[in-house]
Amino acid sequence: MDIRVRFPGGKRVDAELGGKTVATDQSEDHGGTGVAPEPFELFLAALATCAGFYVLGFCRTRGIPTEGLELIQRQRFDEGTHRLAGVDIEIVLPPGFPEKYRASVVQAALGCKVKKTLMDPPEIAVFASGGAPLQSADLRRS
């Protein structure tokens, strides 16, 4: 599946994938209008919702009600670099959740594909296509 990125104006950057559009914007503090999440917020939300999907599947397979069940994801940032240093995902179990499944529901969340990808990251290549052909002098500057 290809993801196409478009620039609808301002600081908005939208991704089109599978017939859907995922809108992003920058917060007002970062020069945007704040009408949509920032891309990094979507990255973090992808991790949380992926873990949630695995928890939901675990519960549904076993007939465990999900009312009152929630996940809370907290991010830890390095104070010096301001980069993401860690992520903690808390699974808040509702009253009556079967104690025998406590460890297993945590294992289910750890099966998240987004988390697994972060633990063994893929190679990411970025290149430009189209436009004017590069001149040999342009190639020497990089």
Protein backbone atom coordinates (compact mmCIF):
# COMPACT_ATOMS: atom_id res chain seq x y z
CA MET A 1 0.00 0.00 0.00
CA ASP A 2 1.33 3.39 -0.96
CA ILE A 3 0.78 6.41 1.26
CA ARG A 4 0.56 9.72 -0.58
CA VAL A 5 1.26 12.93 1.30
CA ARG A 6 -0.36 16.20 0.30
CA PHE A 7 0.03 19.76 1.57
CA PRO A 8 -3.45 21.36 1.83
CA GLY A 9 -2.22 24.67 3.24
CA GLY A 10 -0.68 26.27 6.25
CA LYS A 11 1.28 23.71 8.26
CA ARG A 12 -1.14 20.90 7.43
CA VAL A 13 0.25 17.70 5.98
CA ASP A 14 -2.25 14.99 5.07
CA ALA A 15 -1.63 11.33 4.26
CA GLU A 16 -3.92 9.44 1.91
CA LEU A 17 -3.95 5.67 2.34
CA GLY A 18 -6.43 2.97 1.55
CA GLY A 19 -9.12 5.46 0.51
CA LYS A 20 -8.83 7.38 3.79
CA THR A 21 -7.17 10.66 4.72
CA VAL A 22 -5.18 11.12 7.91
CA ALA A 23 -4.93 14.82 8.63
CA THR A 24 -2.08 16.40 10.58
CA ASP A 25 -1.32 19.94 11.60
CA GLN A 26 1.04 21.70 13.94
CA SER A 27 -0.16 23.13 17.22
CA GLU A 28 -0.64 26.88 17.49
CA ASP A 29 2.62 26.96 19.50
CA HIS A 30 4.37 25.52 16.42
CA GLY A 31 2.75 27.84 13.88
CA GLY A 32 -0.22 25.71 12.89
CA THR A 33 -3.91 25.96 13.64
CA GLY A 34 -4.08 22.86 15.83
CA VAL A 35 -7.05 21.41 13.90
CA ALA A 36 -5.45 17.96 13.77
CA PRO A 37 -2.79 16.04 15.70
CA GLU A 38 0.87 16.69 14.98
CA PRO A 39 2.62 13.84 13.11
CA PHE A 40 4.62 12.83 16.20
CA GLU A 41 1.39 12.65 18.20
CA LEU A 42 0.00 10.26 15.58
CA PHE A 43 3.15 8.15 15.89
CA LEU A 44 2.58 7.90 19.65
CA ALA A 45 -1.13 7.23 19.16
CA ALA A 46 -0.29 4.43 16.71
CA LEU A 47 1.65 2.66 19.44
CA ALA A 48 -1.11 3.10 22.03
CA THR A 49 -3.97 2.08 19.74
CA CYS A 50 -2.03 -0.91 18.43
CA ALA A 51 -1.48 -2.17 21.97
CA GLY A 52 -5.15 -1.48 22.62
CA PHE A 53 -6.17 -3.52 19.59
CA TYR A 54 -4.21 -6.51 20.90
CA VAL A 55 -5.76 -6.13 24.37
CA LEU A 56 -9.23 -5.87 22.83
CA GLY A 57 -8.63 -9.01 20.77
CA PHE A 58 -7.36 -10.87 23.84
CA CYS A 59 -10.49 -9.98 25.81
CA ARG A 60 -12.94 -10.71 23.01
CA THR A 61 -11.39 -14.12 22.33
CA ARG A 62 -11.97 -15.07 25.98
CA GLY A 63 -15.36 -13.41 26.35
CA ILE A 64 -14.01 -10.89 28.88
CA PRO A 65 -16.10 -7.69 28.99
CA THR A 66 -14.17 -4.54 28.04
CA GLU A 67 -16.38 -2.01 29.80
CA GLY A 68 -14.12 0.05 32.07
CA LEU A 69 -10.96 -1.34 30.44
CA GLU A 70 -8.55 1.29 29.16
CA LEU A 71 -4.92 1.89 28.30
CA ILE A 72 -2.98 4.95 29.39
CA GLN A 73 0.26 5.65 27.57
CA ARG A 74 2.83 7.96 29.10
CA GLN A 75 5.91 9.20 27.32
CA ARG A 76 9.27 9.90 28.94
CA PHE A 77 11.57 12.42 27.26
CA ASP A 78 15.28 13.01 27.71
CA GLU A 79 15.64 16.40 29.40
CA GLY A 80 18.81 17.28 27.50
CA THR A 81 17.84 16.24 23.97
CA HIS A 82 14.03 16.41 24.33
CA ARG A 83 13.90 13.11 22.44
CA LEU A 84 11.60 10.26 23.35
CA ALA A 85 13.43 8.13 25.92
CA GLY A 86 10.73 5.66 26.85
CA VAL A 87 7.09 4.76 26.74
CA ASP A 88 5.00 3.23 29.52
CA ILE A 89 1.64 1.67 28.71
CA GLU A 90 -0.63 1.05 31.67
CA ILE A 91 -3.52 -1.35 31.18
CA VAL A 92 -6.24 -0.27 33.60
CA LEU A 93 -8.20 -3.39 34.42
CA PRO A 94 -11.83 -2.96 35.43
CA PRO A 95 -13.29 -4.49 38.58
CA GLY A 96 -14.04 -8.14 37.96
CA PHE A 97 -11.27 -8.64 35.41
CA PRO A 98 -10.14 -12.27 35.85
CA GLU A 99 -6.92 -12.22 37.90
CA LYS A 100 -5.67 -15.32 36.09
CA TYR A 101 -5.40 -13.21 32.87
CA ARG A 102 -3.49 -10.23 34.34
CA ALA A 103 -0.05 -11.32 33.04
CA SER A 104 -1.51 -12.67 29.81
CA VAL A 105 -3.22 -9.40 28.88
CA VAL A 106 0.14 -7.64 29.31
CA GLN A 107 1.73 -10.21 27.00
CA ALA A 108 -1.04 -9.57 24.49
CA ALA A 109 -0.26 -5.83 24.48
CA LEU A 110 3.43 -6.62 23.96
CA GLY A 111 2.47 -8.40 20.73
CA CYS A 112 1.63 -5.06 19.10
CA LYS A 113 3.09 -4.84 15.59
CA VAL A 114 4.03 -1.16 16.03
CA LYS A 115 6.01 -1.97 19.19
CA LYS A 116 7.71 -4.91 17.47
CA THR A 117 8.68 -2.65 14.56
CA LEU A 118 10.19 -0.11 16.94
CA MET A 119 12.19 -2.85 18.66
CA ASP A 120 13.64 -4.01 15.32
CA PRO A 121 13.42 -0.92 13.11
CA PRO A 122 13.31 -1.19 9.34
CA GLU A 123 15.69 0.60 7.03
CA ILE A 124 14.17 3.87 5.83
CA ALA A 125 15.36 5.30 2.52
CA VAL A 126 14.46 8.83 1.41
CA PHE A 127 15.08 10.05 -2.12
CA ALA A 128 13.82 12.70 -4.53
CA SER A 129 12.32 11.99 -7.94
CA GLY A 130 11.13 14.22 -10.73
CA GLY A 131 12.15 17.82 -11.18
CA ALA A 132 15.14 18.91 -13.20
CA PRO A 133 17.94 16.38 -13.70
CA LEU A 134 20.88 16.88 -11.35
CA GLN A 135 24.04 18.32 -12.84
CA SER A 136 27.37 16.72 -11.98
CA ALA A 137 28.28 19.81 -9.90
CA ASP A 138 25.13 19.27 -7.79
CA LEU A 139 26.21 15.71 -7.02
CA ARG A 140 29.58 16.83 -5.68
CA ARG A 141 27.94 19.14 -3.08
CA SER A 142 26.22 16.34 -1.11
